């Protein structure tokens, strides 16, 4: 095994270790999107989802999932902005789908 292979294995192991937390962050954002669609998005959930999107953006970028990182950044921007009326649920959902696709492309489906 070359040193490059060893490094890649370490990166893959780190990804697998943090995958449950990544999925939990996605679930929190999904809850916020669903609440927004039903006109029940609270400020607390909105703030929590924005924080989770921020963390996702950084983590996905670290693992080279740049499209997912960019999408998470857009989610954060929308959720950190003004009123819920200005946040389009369909747009957030599309960004979240990009995040999910990126995560699933790197992860075995369980």
C-alpha atoms as a PDB file:
ATOM      1  CA  UNK A   1       0.000   0.000   0.000  1.00  0.00           C
ATOM      2  CA  UNK A   2       1.451   3.344  -1.032  1.00  0.00           C
ATOM      3  CA  UNK A   3       1.508   6.356   1.252  1.00  0.00           C
ATOM      4  CA  UNK A   4      -1.173   7.950  -0.940  1.00  0.00           C
ATOM      5  CA  UNK A   5      -3.358   4.860  -0.437  1.00  0.00           C
ATOM      6  CA  UNK A   6      -2.798   5.050   3.320  1.00  0.00           C
ATOM      7  CA  UNK A   7      -3.789   8.710   3.406  1.00  0.00           C
ATOM      8  CA  UNK A   8      -6.901   8.010   1.336  1.00  0.00           C
ATOM      9  CA  UNK A   9      -7.857   5.190   3.702  1.00  0.00           C
ATOM     10  CA  UNK A  10      -7.465   7.526   6.676  1.00  0.00           C
ATOM     11  CA  UNK A  11      -9.658  10.115   4.963  1.00  0.00           C
ATOM     12  CA  UNK A  12     -12.266   7.459   4.141  1.00  0.00           C
ATOM     13  CA  UNK A  13     -12.199   6.209   7.748  1.00  0.00           C
ATOM     14  CA  UNK A  14     -12.645   9.761   9.022  1.00  0.00           C
ATOM     15  CA  UNK A  15     -15.580  10.265   6.640  1.00  0.00           C
ATOM     16  CA  UNK A  16     -17.241   7.079   7.904  1.00  0.00           C
ATOM     17  CA  UNK A  17     -16.676   8.138  11.516  1.00  0.00           C
ATOM     18  CA  UNK A  18     -18.402  11.490  10.953  1.00  0.00           C
ATOM     19  CA  UNK A  19     -21.138  10.256   8.618  1.00  0.00           C
ATOM     20  CA  UNK A  20     -23.776   9.836  11.371  1.00  0.00           C
ATOM     21  CA  UNK A  21     -23.260  13.466  12.442  1.00  0.00           C
ATOM     22  CA  UNK A  22     -23.459  14.594   8.821  1.00  0.00           C
ATOM     23  CA  UNK A  23     -26.743  12.738   8.360  1.00  0.00           C
ATOM     24  CA  UNK A  24     -28.082  14.236  11.599  1.00  0.00           C
ATOM     25  CA  UNK A  25     -27.314  17.724  10.301  1.00  0.00           C
ATOM     26  CA  UNK A  26     -29.128  16.941   7.063  1.00  0.00           C
ATOM     27  CA  UNK A  27     -32.140  15.713   9.067  1.00  0.00           C
ATOM     28  CA  UNK A  28     -32.262  18.964  11.039  1.00  0.00           C
ATOM     29  CA  UNK A  29     -32.271  20.994   7.831  1.00  0.00           C
ATOM     30  CA  UNK A  30     -34.951  18.703   6.389  1.00  0.00           C
ATOM     31  CA  UNK A  31     -37.100  19.366   9.462  1.00  0.00           C
ATOM     32  CA  UNK A  32     -36.727  23.091   8.871  1.00  0.00           C
ATOM     33  CA  UNK A  33     -37.659  22.769   5.185  1.00  0.00           C
ATOM     34  CA  UNK A  34     -40.716  20.684   6.081  1.00  0.00           C
ATOM     35  CA  UNK A  35     -41.737  23.178   8.770  1.00  0.00           C
ATOM     36  CA  UNK A  36     -41.329  26.038   6.318  1.00  0.00           C
ATOM     37  CA  UNK A  37     -43.579  24.285   3.803  1.00  0.00           C
ATOM     38  CA  UNK A  38     -46.233  23.951   6.516  1.00  0.00           C
ATOM     39  CA  UNK A  39     -45.798  27.539   7.749  1.00  0.00           C
ATOM     40  CA  UNK A  40     -44.516  26.250  11.093  1.00  0.00           C
ATOM     41  CA  UNK A  41     -40.863  27.183  10.989  1.00  0.00           C
ATOM     42  CA  UNK A  42     -39.893  28.564  14.390  1.00  0.00           C
ATOM     43  CA  UNK A  43     -37.011  30.951  14.911  1.00  0.00           C
ATOM     44  CA  UNK A  44     -35.251  28.316  17.040  1.00  0.00           C
ATOM     45  CA  UNK A  45     -35.449  25.625  14.364  1.00  0.00           C
ATOM     46  CA  UNK A  46     -34.475  28.115  11.701  1.00  0.00           C
ATOM     47  CA  UNK A  47     -31.384  29.170  13.673  1.00  0.00           C
ATOM     48  CA  UNK A  48     -30.442  25.574  14.445  1.00  0.00           C
ATOM     49  CA  UNK A  49     -30.779  24.569  10.784  1.00  0.00           C
ATOM     50  CA  UNK A  50     -28.671  27.565   9.717  1.00  0.00           C
ATOM     51  CA  UNK A  51     -25.930  26.504  12.168  1.00  0.00           C
ATOM     52  CA  UNK A  52     -26.067  22.929  10.913  1.00  0.00           C
ATOM     53  CA  UNK A  53     -25.889  24.126   7.295  1.00  0.00           C
ATOM     54  CA  UNK A  54     -22.817  26.174   8.181  1.00  0.00           C
ATOM     55  CA  UNK A  55     -21.130  23.152   9.739  1.00  0.00           C
ATOM     56  CA  UNK A  56     -22.096  20.976   6.784  1.00  0.00           C
ATOM     57  CA  UNK A  57     -20.642  23.469   4.327  1.00  0.00           C
ATOM     58  CA  UNK A  58     -17.282  23.307   6.068  1.00  0.00           C
ATOM     59  CA  UNK A  59     -17.244  19.541   6.489  1.00  0.00           C
ATOM     60  CA  UNK A  60     -18.303  18.796   2.925  1.00  0.00           C
ATOM     61  CA  UNK A  61     -15.695  21.179   1.581  1.00  0.00           C
ATOM     62  CA  UNK A  62     -13.039  19.498   3.680  1.00  0.00           C
ATOM     63  CA  UNK A  63     -13.897  16.155   2.088  1.00  0.00           C
ATOM     64  CA  UNK A  64     -13.868  17.604  -1.426  1.00  0.00           C
ATOM     65  CA  UNK A  65     -17.641  17.657  -1.893  1.00  0.00           C
ATOM     66  CA  UNK A  66     -17.644  21.205  -3.199  1.00  0.00           C
ATOM     67  CA  UNK A  67     -21.096  21.199  -4.833  1.00  0.00           C
ATOM     68  CA  UNK A  68     -22.574  19.997  -1.552  1.00  0.00           C
ATOM     69  CA  UNK A  69     -20.585  22.588   0.365  1.00  0.00           C
ATOM     70  CA  UNK A  70     -21.810  25.361  -1.921  1.00  0.00           C
ATOM     71  CA  UNK A  71     -25.414  24.168  -1.581  1.00  0.00           C
ATOM     72  CA  UNK A  72     -25.118  24.059   2.223  1.00  0.00           C
ATOM     73  CA  UNK A  73     -23.737  27.610   2.152  1.00  0.00           C
ATOM     74  CA  UNK A  74     -26.783  28.739   0.170  1.00  0.00           C
ATOM     75  CA  UNK A  75     -29.087  27.047   2.694  1.00  0.00           C
ATOM     76  CA  UNK A  76     -27.285  28.852   5.500  1.00  0.00           C
ATOM     77  CA  UNK A  77     -27.682  32.196   3.708  1.00  0.00           C
ATOM     78  CA  UNK A  78     -31.412  31.721   3.230  1.00  0.00           C
ATOM     79  CA  UNK A  79     -32.003  30.580   6.800  1.00  0.00           C
ATOM     80  CA  UNK A  80     -29.829  33.305   8.303  1.00  0.00           C
ATOM     81  CA  UNK A  81     -31.678  36.034   6.407  1.00  0.00           C
ATOM     82  CA  UNK A  82     -34.851  37.944   7.119  1.00  0.00           C
ATOM     83  CA  UNK A  83     -38.376  36.665   7.550  1.00  0.00           C
ATOM     84  CA  UNK A  84     -39.607  33.176   6.725  1.00  0.00           C
ATOM     85  CA  UNK A  85     -41.731  34.702   3.994  1.00  0.00           C
ATOM     86  CA  UNK A  86     -38.580  35.488   2.022  1.00  0.00           C
ATOM     87  CA  UNK A  87     -37.294  31.911   2.164  1.00  0.00           C
ATOM     88  CA  UNK A  88     -38.481  29.771  -0.756  1.00  0.00           C
ATOM     89  CA  UNK A  89     -39.065  26.226   0.498  1.00  0.00           C
ATOM     90  CA  UNK A  90     -38.617  24.734  -2.969  1.00  0.00           C
ATOM     91  CA  UNK A  91     -35.251  26.423  -3.420  1.00  0.00           C
ATOM     92  CA  UNK A  92     -34.071  25.201  -0.003  1.00  0.00           C
ATOM     93  CA  UNK A  93     -35.287  21.725  -0.843  1.00  0.00           C
ATOM     94  CA  UNK A  94     -33.356  21.740  -4.125  1.00  0.00           C
ATOM     95  CA  UNK A  95     -30.173  22.812  -2.332  1.00  0.00           C
ATOM     96  CA  UNK A  96     -30.739  20.119   0.286  1.00  0.00           C
ATOM     97  CA  UNK A  97     -31.180  17.519  -2.470  1.00  0.00           C
ATOM     98  CA  UNK A  98     -27.764  18.543  -3.809  1.00  0.00           C
ATOM     99  CA  UNK A  99     -26.262  18.080  -0.339  1.00  0.00           C
ATOM    100  CA  UNK A 100     -27.867  14.647  -0.007  1.00  0.00           C
ATOM    101  CA  UNK A 101     -26.693  13.588  -3.456  1.00  0.00           C
ATOM    102  CA  UNK A 102     -23.130  14.633  -2.659  1.00  0.00           C
ATOM    103  CA  UNK A 103     -23.136  12.823   0.696  1.00  0.00           C
ATOM    104  CA  UNK A 104     -24.643   9.688  -0.813  1.00  0.00           C
ATOM    105  CA  UNK A 105     -22.111   9.710  -3.659  1.00  0.00           C
ATOM    106  CA  UNK A 106     -19.328   9.395  -1.114  1.00  0.00           C
ATOM    107  CA  UNK A 107     -21.135   7.058   1.290  1.00  0.00           C
ATOM    108  CA  UNK A 108     -22.481   3.543   1.077  1.00  0.00           C
ATOM    109  CA  UNK A 109     -26.259   3.696   1.448  1.00  0.00           C
ATOM    110  CA  UNK A 110     -27.417   2.202   4.723  1.00  0.00           C
END
